[in-house]
Amino acid sequence: MTWTPPAEVALTPTALVDVFDDLPLWSAPFGMALLDAVALSPTAVALDVGCGAGFPLVELAERLGPRAHVHGVDPWEAALARVRAKLAAREVANVTLHAARAEALPLPDRSVDLLVSNNGFNNVDDLDAALAECARVARPDAQLGYAYNLPASMRELYDALDAALAARGLDAARAAVRAHIDHKRQPIDATVAALARAGFATTRVDEHAFRWRFADAAALFAHWFMRLAFIPAWIEVVPAAERAAVFTAVSAALDQPGGVTLTIPFACIVARRR
């Protein structure tokens, strides 16, 4: 079967956030690992960097309790509106939201005891600047927990894509895919080094993994979250004239008895402010 481009997810930011169920689909494994790894103090001042639609922000606020206070920072205004609705529905009063970027945190120096980020730092424009801001607002010995997917995420698909590109001599596209992975998903040692540059000493590294399973490649490419979050980047690196042939080959390679399985390894790193 010849591959055809999937339809783009065409929603306004407000409409998107109304149907954006991030908890079971993507962010839950990362957020649950964070909540399990970091210390919880009932009087902590906490910060969720890149809080998105509110996980683990709201859950963290509830688990810390009403004497603690949690700040959520994200530039996505529609997502923050979704968080406000969750806070109101769940009657959670110990949260303050900020429409801001991680590279310019609107908090005072040395004011935070606990910082968390659920796949937030791998989406910033300048990781070193974002971590420097975290170091600025962190109190001495403050804890930072960061969970994010590793470079081998969805290797099954990326291996098939690389083979299809190689078979057609599309070396520039292969390099572009590698550059995309390197930008979005740093290996653990690179993340630990970045934390150290900012003034954080890593105290714990946990590695985890989960799987996404599909009946076949057609189901994978039609899935709305794949179309929203991943497929546009895959398509962009392949020359338009080659896309149908490349992704037909990728689909054929992925289709196996029992369906398609993508593996998502991730790390949860905990560090302390020196």
Protein backbone atom coordinates (compact mmCIF):
# COMPACT_ATOMS: atom_id res chain seq x y z
CA MET A 1 0.00 0.00 0.00
CA THR A 2 1.37 3.42 -0.95
CA TRP A 3 1.76 5.87 1.90
CA THR A 4 -0.28 9.05 1.75
CA PRO A 5 0.47 12.10 3.93
CA PRO A 6 -1.71 12.21 7.06
CA ALA A 7 -3.95 15.19 7.57
CA GLU A 8 -2.51 17.91 9.76
CA VAL A 9 -4.10 18.56 13.13
CA ALA A 10 -5.93 21.80 12.35
CA LEU A 11 -7.12 23.31 15.63
CA THR A 12 -6.84 26.74 17.20
CA PRO A 13 -4.72 26.81 20.38
CA THR A 14 -7.87 27.00 22.51
CA ALA A 15 -9.61 24.15 20.69
CA LEU A 16 -6.43 22.07 20.87
CA VAL A 17 -6.06 22.40 24.61
CA ASP A 18 -9.72 21.47 25.07
CA VAL A 19 -9.01 18.00 23.65
CA PHE A 20 -5.40 17.69 24.75
CA ASP A 21 -5.47 14.74 27.14
CA ASP A 22 -1.80 14.65 28.10
CA LEU A 23 -1.99 12.45 31.18
CA PRO A 24 -2.49 8.85 29.99
CA LEU A 25 -1.02 9.31 26.54
CA TRP A 26 2.40 10.85 26.89
CA SER A 27 3.31 12.72 30.04
CA ALA A 28 2.05 10.33 32.72
CA PRO A 29 5.07 7.96 32.74
CA PHE A 30 7.48 10.89 33.02
CA GLY A 31 5.42 12.74 35.62
CA MET A 32 4.86 9.68 37.78
CA ALA A 33 8.60 8.99 37.78
CA LEU A 34 9.22 12.58 38.90
CA LEU A 35 6.67 12.40 41.69
CA ASP A 36 8.26 9.16 42.88
CA ALA A 37 11.85 10.48 42.78
CA VAL A 38 11.75 13.92 44.39
CA ALA A 39 11.45 14.73 48.08
CA LEU A 40 8.07 16.14 49.15
CA SER A 41 8.07 18.72 51.95
CA PRO A 42 4.75 20.09 53.25
CA THR A 43 6.15 23.64 53.37
CA ALA A 44 8.09 23.64 50.09
CA VAL A 45 8.04 26.36 47.48
CA ALA A 46 8.06 24.42 44.21
CA LEU A 47 8.29 25.28 40.51
CA ASP A 48 7.15 23.29 37.46
CA VAL A 49 9.17 24.48 34.45
CA GLY A 50 7.17 24.04 31.24
CA CYS A 51 4.02 23.04 33.10
CA GLY A 52 1.89 22.78 29.94
CA ALA A 53 -1.67 21.64 30.63
CA GLY A 54 -0.88 20.96 34.27
CA PHE A 55 0.77 17.60 34.88
CA PRO A 56 2.49 17.06 37.22
CA LEU A 57 1.90 20.64 38.42
CA VAL A 58 -1.58 20.17 39.88
CA GLU A 59 -0.82 16.71 41.24
CA LEU A 60 2.38 18.00 42.85
CA ALA A 61 0.47 20.84 44.52
CA GLU A 62 -2.05 18.39 45.96
CA ARG A 63 0.61 15.95 47.13
CA LEU A 64 2.60 18.70 48.85
CA GLY A 65 -0.50 20.01 50.60
CA PRO A 66 -1.97 23.45 51.32
CA ARG A 67 1.00 24.79 53.33
CA ALA A 68 3.26 24.44 50.28
CA HIS A 69 3.11 26.68 47.23
CA VAL A 70 3.74 25.67 43.63
CA HIS A 71 4.54 27.95 40.69
CA GLY A 72 3.87 26.87 37.13
CA VAL A 73 5.72 28.50 34.22
CA ASP A 74 4.82 28.07 30.55
CA PRO A 75 4.54 30.43 27.56
CA TRP A 76 1.41 28.65 26.22
CA GLU A 77 -1.49 30.82 27.38
CA ALA A 78 -4.21 28.37 26.30
CA ALA A 79 -2.60 25.61 28.35
CA LEU A 80 -2.46 27.87 31.40
CA ALA A 81 -6.19 28.55 30.99
CA ARG A 82 -6.72 24.78 31.05
CA VAL A 83 -4.68 24.57 34.28
CA ARG A 84 -6.79 27.29 35.87
CA ALA A 85 -9.93 25.30 35.10
CA LYS A 86 -8.40 22.19 36.69
CA LEU A 87 -7.37 24.14 39.78
CA ALA A 88 -10.86 25.56 40.17
CA ALA A 89 -12.58 22.20 39.66
CA ARG A 90 -10.26 20.45 42.12
CA GLU A 91 -10.30 23.36 44.59
CA VAL A 92 -6.53 23.64 44.65
CA ALA A 93 -5.51 27.07 45.96
CA ASN A 94 -1.74 26.77 46.43
CA VAL A 95 -0.66 27.38 42.81
CA THR A 96 0.46 30.51 40.97
CA LEU A 97 0.75 30.43 37.18
CA HIS A 98 3.12 32.54 35.08
CA ALA A 99 3.03 33.03 31.32
CA ALA A 100 6.79 33.04 30.79
CA ARG A 101 9.70 31.16 29.26
CA ALA A 102 12.16 29.03 31.17
CA GLU A 103 14.99 31.33 30.09
CA ALA A 104 13.40 34.24 32.03
CA LEU A 105 11.72 32.93 35.17
CA PRO A 106 9.58 35.59 36.92
CA LEU A 107 10.66 34.55 40.42
CA PRO A 108 13.10 36.07 42.94
CA ASP A 109 16.60 34.79 43.54
CA ARG A 110 16.92 31.86 45.96
CA SER A 111 13.17 31.48 46.44
CA VAL A 112 12.46 27.86 45.40
CA ASP A 113 13.04 24.57 47.24
CA LEU A 114 11.96 22.11 44.54
CA LEU A 115 12.05 22.39 40.75
CA VAL A 116 10.52 19.84 38.38
CA SER A 117 10.24 19.58 34.61
CA ASN A 118 8.29 16.96 32.70
CA ASN A 119 9.88 17.02 29.22
CA GLY A 120 10.16 20.78 29.56
CA PHE A 121 13.87 21.45 29.18
CA ASN A 122 14.09 19.53 25.91
CA ASN A 123 11.73 22.10 24.37
CA VAL A 124 13.52 25.28 25.43
CA ASP A 125 15.44 27.43 22.95
CA ASP A 126 18.53 27.70 25.17
CA LEU A 127 19.06 24.88 27.68
CA ASP A 128 22.02 26.51 29.43
CA ALA A 129 20.10 29.77 29.89
CA ALA A 130 17.06 27.90 31.25
CA LEU A 131 19.15 25.91 33.73
CA ALA A 132 21.02 29.07 34.77
CA GLU A 133 17.64 30.64 35.57
CA CYS A 134 16.70 27.56 37.58
CA ALA A 135 19.96 27.87 39.49
CA ARG A 136 19.25 31.54 40.16
CA VAL A 137 15.83 30.94 41.71
CA ALA A 138 16.90 27.79 43.59
CA ARG A 139 17.82 27.98 47.24
CA PRO A 140 21.07 26.31 48.32
CA ASP A 141 20.53 22.52 48.35
CA ALA A 142 17.23 22.91 46.45
CA GLN A 143 16.24 19.80 44.53
CA LEU A 144 15.67 19.63 40.77
CA GLY A 145 13.91 16.71 39.08
CA TYR A 146 13.84 16.37 35.30
CA ALA A 147 12.21 13.54 33.33
CA TYR A 148 12.64 13.35 29.55
CA ASN A 149 12.75 10.88 26.68
CA LEU A 150 16.18 9.65 25.61
CA PRO A 151 17.79 9.58 22.12
CA ALA A 152 16.73 5.97 21.52
CA SER A 153 13.03 6.92 21.73
CA MET A 154 11.03 5.30 18.92
CA ARG A 155 14.22 3.73 17.58
CA GLU A 156 12.12 1.19 15.68
CA LEU A 157 10.71 3.98 13.52
CA TYR A 158 13.91 6.01 13.24
CA ASP A 159 15.89 2.93 12.16
CA ALA A 160 13.32 2.23 9.44
CA LEU A 161 13.39 5.88 8.36
CA ASP A 162 17.18 5.96 8.23
CA ALA A 163 17.27 2.76 6.14
CA ALA A 164 14.69 4.15 3.69
CA LEU A 165 16.64 7.40 3.33
CA ALA A 166 19.94 5.56 2.90
CA ALA A 167 18.49 3.34 0.18
CA ARG A 168 17.65 6.47 -1.81
CA GLY A 169 20.96 8.25 -1.16
CA LEU A 170 19.27 11.01 0.85
CA ASP A 171 22.24 11.73 3.09
CA ALA A 172 21.21 15.32 3.84
CA ALA A 173 17.85 14.09 5.11
CA ARG A 174 19.59 11.44 7.26
CA ALA A 175 21.74 14.17 8.80
CA ALA A 176 18.68 16.34 9.41
CA VAL A 177 16.95 13.48 11.28
CA ARG A 178 20.02 12.95 13.44
CA ALA A 179 20.23 16.70 14.15
CA HIS A 180 16.55 16.73 15.16
CA ILE A 181 17.12 13.87 17.61
CA ASP A 182 20.27 15.48 19.01
CA HIS A 183 18.46 18.77 19.58
CA LYS A 184 15.39 17.29 21.26
CA ARG A 185 16.82 14.32 23.19
CA GLN A 186 20.12 14.63 24.98
CA PRO A 187 21.92 11.57 26.34
CA ILE A 188 22.12 11.31 30.11
CA ASP A 189 25.78 12.35 30.35
CA ALA A 190 25.10 15.52 28.34
CA THR A 191 22.19 16.44 30.61
CA VAL A 192 24.24 15.80 33.74
CA ALA A 193 26.99 18.00 32.30
CA ALA A 194 24.51 20.80 31.52
CA LEU A 195 23.17 20.62 35.08
CA ALA A 196 26.72 20.80 36.43
CA ARG A 197 27.47 23.90 34.34
CA ALA A 198 24.47 25.59 35.94
CA GLY A 199 25.51 24.66 39.47
CA PHE A 200 23.52 21.47 40.11
CA ALA A 201 25.11 18.23 41.32
CA THR A 202 23.30 15.12 40.10
CA THR A 203 22.37 12.75 42.92
CA ARG A 204 20.16 10.19 41.18
CA VAL A 205 19.57 8.88 37.68
CA ASP A 206 16.74 6.44 37.00
CA GLU A 207 16.15 4.92 33.57
CA HIS A 208 12.68 3.77 32.53
CA ALA A 209 10.83 2.79 29.37
CA PHE A 210 7.29 2.35 28.10
CA ARG A 211 5.77 1.22 24.81
CA TRP A 212 3.27 2.51 22.29
CA ARG A 213 1.56 -0.27 20.31
CA PHE A 214 -0.44 0.07 17.10
CA ALA A 215 -2.32 -2.45 14.98
CA ASP A 216 -0.23 -1.44 11.95
CA ALA A 217 1.74 1.45 10.47
CA ALA A 218 -1.41 2.96 8.95
CA ALA A 219 -2.88 3.30 12.45
CA LEU A 220 0.35 4.86 13.70
CA PHE A 221 0.44 7.51 10.96
CA ALA A 222 -3.27 8.27 11.42
CA HIS A 223 -3.08 8.68 15.21
CA TRP A 224 -3.93 12.26 16.14
CA PHE A 225 -1.20 12.75 18.73
CA MET A 226 1.41 11.36 16.37
CA ARG A 227 0.15 13.79 13.73
CA LEU A 228 0.29 16.63 16.24
CA ALA A 229 3.60 16.05 17.97
CA PHE A 230 5.88 13.90 15.81
CA ILE A 231 4.93 13.32 12.16
CA PRO A 232 5.37 16.94 10.97
CA ALA A 233 9.04 16.83 12.00
CA TRP A 234 9.56 13.48 10.24
CA ILE A 235 7.95 14.71 7.02
CA GLU A 236 9.80 18.03 7.00
CA VAL A 237 13.25 16.45 6.66
CA VAL A 238 12.34 14.34 3.59
CA PRO A 239 12.28 16.03 0.15
CA ALA A 240 8.68 16.37 -1.04
CA ALA A 241 9.27 14.32 -4.17
CA GLU A 242 10.59 11.41 -2.08
CA ARG A 243 8.09 11.39 0.76
CA ALA A 244 5.61 8.85 -0.58
CA ALA A 245 8.35 6.35 -1.47
CA VAL A 246 10.26 6.87 1.80
CA PHE A 247 7.28 6.50 4.09
CA THR A 248 5.87 3.61 2.11
CA ALA A 249 9.17 1.85 2.81
CA VAL A 250 9.03 2.87 6.47
CA SER A 251 5.50 1.51 6.77
CA ALA A 252 6.50 -1.79 5.17
CA ALA A 253 9.44 -2.12 7.56
CA LEU A 254 7.31 -1.34 10.62
CA ASP A 255 4.44 -3.69 9.76
CA GLN A 256 5.19 -6.95 11.54
CA PRO A 257 3.03 -9.83 12.76
CA GLY A 258 1.40 -8.57 15.92
CA GLY A 259 1.48 -4.93 14.87
CA VAL A 260 3.87 -2.03 15.45
CA THR A 261 5.59 -1.38 18.77
CA LEU A 262 7.51 1.81 19.52
CA THR A 263 9.70 1.91 22.62
CA ILE A 264 10.21 5.13 24.56
CA PRO A 265 13.13 4.98 26.99
CA PHE A 266 13.39 7.92 29.36
CA ALA A 267 15.44 9.18 32.27
CA CYS A 268 14.48 10.82 35.53
CA ILE A 269 17.40 12.84 36.85
CA VAL A 270 17.48 14.39 40.33
CA ALA A 271 20.07 17.03 41.26
CA ARG A 272 20.84 19.40 44.12
CA ARG A 273 21.77 23.10 43.92
CA ARG A 274 25.35 23.46 45.04
